Amino acid sequence: MKQALELRISLPEREWTDTTTLKLRGHLATLIDDEIWDVETAQSRALLNEARELLGDEARPTETTPPGFAYEYMRSLALVTRTAAAVYRLRHVDRDRKRRTMESNR
């Protein structure tokens, strides 16, 4: 993800962009399938909606998509994936902390 977000003077090879896009799509799909999205806040709904939009087939670049647009799509995926991963980590830390507290109170 870090490489996908690096600022570049020139575009990377299209093959690298496509491979990275595929990996990011998999990571993001896994993250949004988790139960952490049961929290009803405007921010979590917006992030989940943005993730679903990016994962939709109509958003996905094709072989005929210009390289610059494919690259920008990959960067958008990386940004949303990074945010979703941060939410995931925070929610799991909070969930683990609550579980340990309940166990120690028994």
N, C-alpha and C. Protein backbone atom coordinates (compact mmCIF):
# COMPACT_ATOMS: atom_id res chain seq x y z
N MET A 1 0.83 -1.18 0.00
CA MET A 1 0.00 0.00 0.00
C MET A 1 0.88 1.25 0.00
N LYS A 2 1.97 1.20 0.74
CA LYS A 2 2.85 2.35 0.81
C LYS A 2 3.39 2.72 -0.57
N GLN A 3 3.77 1.72 -1.35
CA GLN A 3 4.29 1.99 -2.69
C GLN A 3 3.21 2.59 -3.58
N ALA A 4 1.98 2.15 -3.39
CA ALA A 4 0.88 2.67 -4.22
C ALA A 4 0.63 4.14 -3.94
N LEU A 5 0.96 4.59 -2.73
CA LEU A 5 0.70 5.98 -2.34
C LEU A 5 1.90 6.89 -2.53
N GLU A 6 3.04 6.34 -2.92
CA GLU A 6 4.22 7.18 -3.14
C GLU A 6 3.97 8.18 -4.27
N LEU A 7 4.47 9.37 -4.08
CA LEU A 7 4.39 10.37 -5.14
C LEU A 7 5.45 10.05 -6.18
N ARG A 8 5.06 10.15 -7.44
CA ARG A 8 5.96 9.79 -8.52
C ARG A 8 6.02 10.91 -9.55
N ILE A 9 7.14 11.00 -10.22
CA ILE A 9 7.27 11.95 -11.32
C ILE A 9 6.66 11.36 -12.58
N SER A 10 6.84 10.06 -12.77
CA SER A 10 6.25 9.40 -13.94
C SER A 10 5.39 8.23 -13.47
N LEU A 11 4.51 7.80 -14.33
CA LEU A 11 3.64 6.68 -14.00
C LEU A 11 4.44 5.38 -13.96
N PRO A 12 4.07 4.48 -13.05
CA PRO A 12 4.72 3.17 -13.05
C PRO A 12 4.23 2.36 -14.26
N GLU A 13 4.86 1.25 -14.50
CA GLU A 13 4.43 0.36 -15.57
C GLU A 13 2.98 -0.06 -15.34
N ARG A 14 2.22 -0.17 -16.40
CA ARG A 14 0.80 -0.52 -16.28
C ARG A 14 0.63 -1.89 -15.62
N GLU A 15 1.52 -2.81 -15.90
CA GLU A 15 1.42 -4.14 -15.29
C GLU A 15 1.51 -4.04 -13.77
N TRP A 16 2.42 -3.21 -13.27
CA TRP A 16 2.55 -3.03 -11.82
C TRP A 16 1.27 -2.40 -11.26
N THR A 17 0.74 -1.40 -11.94
CA THR A 17 -0.49 -0.75 -11.50
C THR A 17 -1.62 -1.76 -11.44
N ASP A 18 -1.77 -2.58 -12.46
CA ASP A 18 -2.85 -3.57 -12.50
C ASP A 18 -2.69 -4.62 -11.41
N THR A 19 -1.46 -5.09 -11.18
CA THR A 19 -1.21 -6.08 -10.13
C THR A 19 -1.49 -5.49 -8.75
N THR A 20 -1.03 -4.29 -8.52
CA THR A 20 -1.27 -3.62 -7.24
C THR A 20 -2.75 -3.37 -7.03
N THR A 21 -3.44 -2.98 -8.08
CA THR A 21 -4.89 -2.76 -8.00
C THR A 21 -5.60 -4.04 -7.59
N LEU A 22 -5.23 -5.15 -8.18
CA LEU A 22 -5.85 -6.43 -7.86
C LEU A 22 -5.63 -6.78 -6.39
N LYS A 23 -4.42 -6.59 -5.90
CA LYS A 23 -4.12 -6.87 -4.49
C LYS A 23 -4.93 -5.96 -3.57
N LEU A 24 -4.97 -4.67 -3.89
CA LEU A 24 -5.70 -3.72 -3.05
C LEU A 24 -7.19 -4.03 -3.03
N ARG A 25 -7.75 -4.41 -4.18
CA ARG A 25 -9.16 -4.78 -4.24
C ARG A 25 -9.44 -5.96 -3.31
N GLY A 26 -8.55 -6.93 -3.29
CA GLY A 26 -8.71 -8.08 -2.40
C GLY A 26 -8.64 -7.68 -0.94
N HIS A 27 -7.67 -6.84 -0.60
CA HIS A 27 -7.54 -6.39 0.79
C HIS A 27 -8.77 -5.60 1.23
N LEU A 28 -9.22 -4.69 0.38
CA LEU A 28 -10.37 -3.86 0.73
C LEU A 28 -11.63 -4.70 0.86
N ALA A 29 -11.83 -5.64 -0.05
CA ALA A 29 -13.01 -6.51 0.03
C ALA A 29 -13.01 -7.30 1.34
N THR A 30 -11.85 -7.78 1.74
CA THR A 30 -11.74 -8.51 3.01
C THR A 30 -12.07 -7.60 4.20
N LEU A 31 -11.54 -6.41 4.18
CA LEU A 31 -11.77 -5.48 5.29
C LEU A 31 -13.23 -5.08 5.43
N ILE A 32 -13.91 -4.84 4.33
CA ILE A 32 -15.29 -4.37 4.46
C ILE A 32 -16.27 -5.50 4.74
N ASP A 33 -15.81 -6.75 4.62
CA ASP A 33 -16.68 -7.87 4.97
C ASP A 33 -16.69 -8.15 6.47
N ASP A 34 -15.84 -7.50 7.22
CA ASP A 34 -15.74 -7.73 8.65
C ASP A 34 -16.90 -7.08 9.39
N GLU A 35 -17.18 -7.55 10.58
CA GLU A 35 -18.29 -7.03 11.37
C GLU A 35 -18.02 -5.67 12.00
N ILE A 36 -16.86 -5.08 11.77
CA ILE A 36 -16.58 -3.76 12.35
C ILE A 36 -17.49 -2.69 11.80
N TRP A 37 -18.15 -2.97 10.68
CA TRP A 37 -18.97 -1.95 10.03
C TRP A 37 -20.36 -1.87 10.62
N ASP A 38 -20.59 -2.52 11.77
CA ASP A 38 -21.89 -2.42 12.41
C ASP A 38 -22.05 -1.11 13.18
N VAL A 39 -20.97 -0.36 13.32
CA VAL A 39 -21.03 0.92 14.01
C VAL A 39 -21.68 1.94 13.08
N GLU A 40 -22.73 2.55 13.55
CA GLU A 40 -23.49 3.48 12.72
C GLU A 40 -23.05 4.93 12.98
N THR A 41 -22.05 5.33 12.25
CA THR A 41 -21.65 6.73 12.27
C THR A 41 -21.63 7.21 10.83
N ALA A 42 -21.74 8.50 10.66
CA ALA A 42 -21.71 9.05 9.29
C ALA A 42 -20.38 8.73 8.61
N GLN A 43 -19.29 8.77 9.36
CA GLN A 43 -17.98 8.50 8.78
C GLN A 43 -17.83 7.05 8.35
N SER A 44 -18.30 6.12 9.19
CA SER A 44 -18.17 4.71 8.82
C SER A 44 -19.05 4.37 7.63
N ARG A 45 -20.26 4.94 7.57
CA ARG A 45 -21.14 4.72 6.42
C ARG A 45 -20.52 5.29 5.15
N ALA A 46 -19.93 6.49 5.25
CA ALA A 46 -19.31 7.11 4.08
C ALA A 46 -18.12 6.28 3.59
N LEU A 47 -17.30 5.80 4.51
CA LEU A 47 -16.15 4.99 4.13
C LEU A 47 -16.61 3.68 3.50
N LEU A 48 -17.60 3.05 4.08
CA LEU A 48 -18.11 1.80 3.54
C LEU A 48 -18.71 2.01 2.15
N ASN A 49 -19.46 3.09 1.98
CA ASN A 49 -20.04 3.40 0.66
C ASN A 49 -18.95 3.66 -0.38
N GLU A 50 -17.92 4.40 0.01
CA GLU A 50 -16.83 4.69 -0.92
C GLU A 50 -16.10 3.40 -1.30
N ALA A 51 -15.89 2.53 -0.32
CA ALA A 51 -15.23 1.25 -0.59
C ALA A 51 -16.06 0.42 -1.56
N ARG A 52 -17.34 0.32 -1.32
CA ARG A 52 -18.22 -0.47 -2.20
C ARG A 52 -18.25 0.12 -3.61
N GLU A 53 -18.24 1.43 -3.70
CA GLU A 53 -18.24 2.08 -5.01
C GLU A 53 -16.94 1.75 -5.77
N LEU A 54 -15.82 1.82 -5.08
CA LEU A 54 -14.54 1.51 -5.72
C LEU A 54 -14.45 0.04 -6.13
N LEU A 55 -15.09 -0.84 -5.37
CA LEU A 55 -15.04 -2.27 -5.67
C LEU A 55 -16.05 -2.68 -6.74
N GLY A 56 -16.96 -1.79 -7.08
CA GLY A 56 -17.96 -2.10 -8.10
C GLY A 56 -17.31 -2.30 -9.46
N ASP A 57 -17.91 -3.16 -10.26
CA ASP A 57 -17.35 -3.47 -11.58
C ASP A 57 -17.27 -2.24 -12.48
N GLU A 58 -18.21 -1.32 -12.35
CA GLU A 58 -18.22 -0.14 -13.21
C GLU A 58 -17.06 0.81 -12.91
N ALA A 59 -16.49 0.73 -11.72
CA ALA A 59 -15.36 1.61 -11.35
C ALA A 59 -14.02 1.00 -11.79
N ARG A 60 -14.00 -0.28 -11.97
CA ARG A 60 -12.76 -1.01 -12.24
C ARG A 60 -12.20 -0.67 -13.63
N PRO A 61 -10.92 -0.32 -13.71
CA PRO A 61 -10.31 -0.04 -15.01
C PRO A 61 -10.26 -1.29 -15.89
N THR A 62 -10.31 -1.08 -17.18
CA THR A 62 -10.18 -2.18 -18.14
C THR A 62 -8.86 -2.02 -18.88
N GLU A 63 -8.59 -2.91 -19.79
CA GLU A 63 -7.35 -2.82 -20.58
C GLU A 63 -7.30 -1.55 -21.41
N THR A 64 -8.46 -1.01 -21.76
CA THR A 64 -8.50 0.19 -22.60
C THR A 64 -8.50 1.49 -21.79
N THR A 65 -8.56 1.36 -20.46
CA THR A 65 -8.52 2.55 -19.61
C THR A 65 -7.14 3.19 -19.74
N PRO A 66 -7.08 4.49 -19.96
CA PRO A 66 -5.77 5.16 -20.04
C PRO A 66 -4.95 4.93 -18.76
N PRO A 67 -3.64 4.78 -18.90
CA PRO A 67 -2.78 4.49 -17.74
C PRO A 67 -2.94 5.48 -16.58
N GLY A 68 -3.11 6.76 -16.88
CA GLY A 68 -3.26 7.75 -15.81
C GLY A 68 -4.51 7.52 -14.99
N PHE A 69 -5.61 7.15 -15.65
CA PHE A 69 -6.85 6.88 -14.92
C PHE A 69 -6.74 5.59 -14.11
N ALA A 70 -6.09 4.58 -14.67
CA ALA A 70 -5.88 3.33 -13.94
C ALA A 70 -5.02 3.58 -12.69
N TYR A 71 -4.02 4.42 -12.85
CA TYR A 71 -3.14 4.76 -11.72
C TYR A 71 -3.91 5.51 -10.63
N GLU A 72 -4.71 6.46 -11.02
CA GLU A 72 -5.50 7.22 -10.03
C GLU A 72 -6.52 6.34 -9.33
N TYR A 73 -7.10 5.39 -10.04
CA TYR A 73 -8.02 4.43 -9.42
C TYR A 73 -7.26 3.62 -8.37
N MET A 74 -6.06 3.15 -8.72
CA MET A 74 -5.25 2.38 -7.78
C MET A 74 -4.94 3.21 -6.54
N ARG A 75 -4.60 4.47 -6.71
CA ARG A 75 -4.30 5.34 -5.57
C ARG A 75 -5.54 5.54 -4.70
N SER A 76 -6.70 5.70 -5.31
CA SER A 76 -7.94 5.83 -4.54
C SER A 76 -8.20 4.57 -3.73
N LEU A 77 -7.99 3.41 -4.35
CA LEU A 77 -8.12 2.15 -3.61
C LEU A 77 -7.16 2.10 -2.43
N ALA A 78 -5.93 2.53 -2.65
CA ALA A 78 -4.92 2.50 -1.58
C ALA A 78 -5.33 3.41 -0.42
N LEU A 79 -5.83 4.58 -0.72
CA LEU A 79 -6.24 5.51 0.34
C LEU A 79 -7.41 4.96 1.15
N VAL A 80 -8.40 4.42 0.48
CA VAL A 80 -9.57 3.87 1.18
C VAL A 80 -9.17 2.62 1.95
N THR A 81 -8.30 1.80 1.37
CA THR A 81 -7.85 0.59 2.05
C THR A 81 -7.06 0.95 3.31
N ARG A 82 -6.21 1.95 3.20
CA ARG A 82 -5.44 2.39 4.37
C ARG A 82 -6.37 2.88 5.48
N THR A 83 -7.38 3.65 5.13
CA THR A 83 -8.33 4.15 6.13
C THR A 83 -9.12 3.00 6.74
N ALA A 84 -9.60 2.07 5.90
CA ALA A 84 -10.36 0.93 6.40
C ALA A 84 -9.50 0.06 7.31
N ALA A 85 -8.23 -0.10 6.98
CA ALA A 85 -7.32 -0.88 7.82
C ALA A 85 -7.12 -0.21 9.17
N ALA A 86 -7.03 1.11 9.18
CA ALA A 86 -6.89 1.84 10.45
C ALA A 86 -8.14 1.67 11.31
N VAL A 87 -9.30 1.75 10.70
CA VAL A 87 -10.56 1.54 11.43
C VAL A 87 -10.59 0.12 11.99
N TYR A 88 -10.22 -0.83 11.17
CA TYR A 88 -10.19 -2.23 11.58
C TYR A 88 -9.29 -2.42 12.81
N ARG A 89 -8.07 -1.87 12.74
CA ARG A 89 -7.14 -2.00 13.87
C ARG A 89 -7.71 -1.35 15.12
N LEU A 90 -8.26 -0.16 15.00
CA LEU A 90 -8.82 0.53 16.17
C LEU A 90 -9.98 -0.25 16.78
N ARG A 91 -10.85 -0.77 15.94
CA ARG A 91 -12.01 -1.51 16.45
C ARG A 91 -11.58 -2.81 17.10
N HIS A 92 -10.57 -3.48 16.54
CA HIS A 92 -10.12 -4.73 17.14
C HIS A 92 -9.40 -4.48 18.45
N VAL A 93 -8.63 -3.42 18.55
CA VAL A 93 -7.98 -3.07 19.82
C VAL A 93 -9.04 -2.79 20.86
N ASP A 94 -10.07 -2.02 20.50
CA ASP A 94 -11.16 -1.69 21.41
C ASP A 94 -11.92 -2.95 21.82
N ARG A 95 -12.20 -3.82 20.87
CA ARG A 95 -12.94 -5.06 21.16
C ARG A 95 -12.13 -5.95 22.08
N ASP A 96 -10.82 -6.08 21.83
CA ASP A 96 -9.96 -6.91 22.68
C ASP A 96 -9.86 -6.32 24.09
N ARG A 97 -9.78 -5.01 24.18
CA ARG A 97 -9.70 -4.35 25.48
C ARG A 97 -10.98 -4.61 26.29
N LYS A 98 -12.13 -4.51 25.66
CA LYS A 98 -13.40 -4.77 26.34
C LYS A 98 -13.50 -6.22 26.78
N ARG A 99 -13.06 -7.14 25.92
CA ARG A 99 -13.11 -8.57 26.25
C ARG A 99 -12.22 -8.86 27.45
N ARG A 100 -11.01 -8.29 27.46
CA ARG A 100 -10.10 -8.53 28.59
C ARG A 100 -10.66 -7.94 29.88
N THR A 101 -11.30 -6.77 29.79
CA THR A 101 -11.90 -6.15 30.97
C THR A 101 -13.01 -7.02 31.52
N MET A 102 -13.85 -7.54 30.63
CA MET A 102 -14.95 -8.40 31.09
C MET A 102 -14.41 -9.68 31.72
N GLU A 103 -13.37 -10.26 31.14
CA GLU A 103 -12.79 -11.47 31.68
C GLU A 103 -12.15 -11.23 33.04
N SER A 104 -11.54 -10.08 33.23
CA SER A 104 -10.88 -9.80 34.51
C SER A 104 -11.90 -9.45 35.59
N ASN A 105 -13.12 -9.06 35.22
CA ASN A 105 -14.15 -8.71 36.18
C ASN A 105 -14.93 -9.94 36.66
N ARG A 106 -14.63 -11.08 36.13
CA ARG A 106 -15.36 -12.31 36.55
C ARG A 106 -14.90 -12.81 37.86
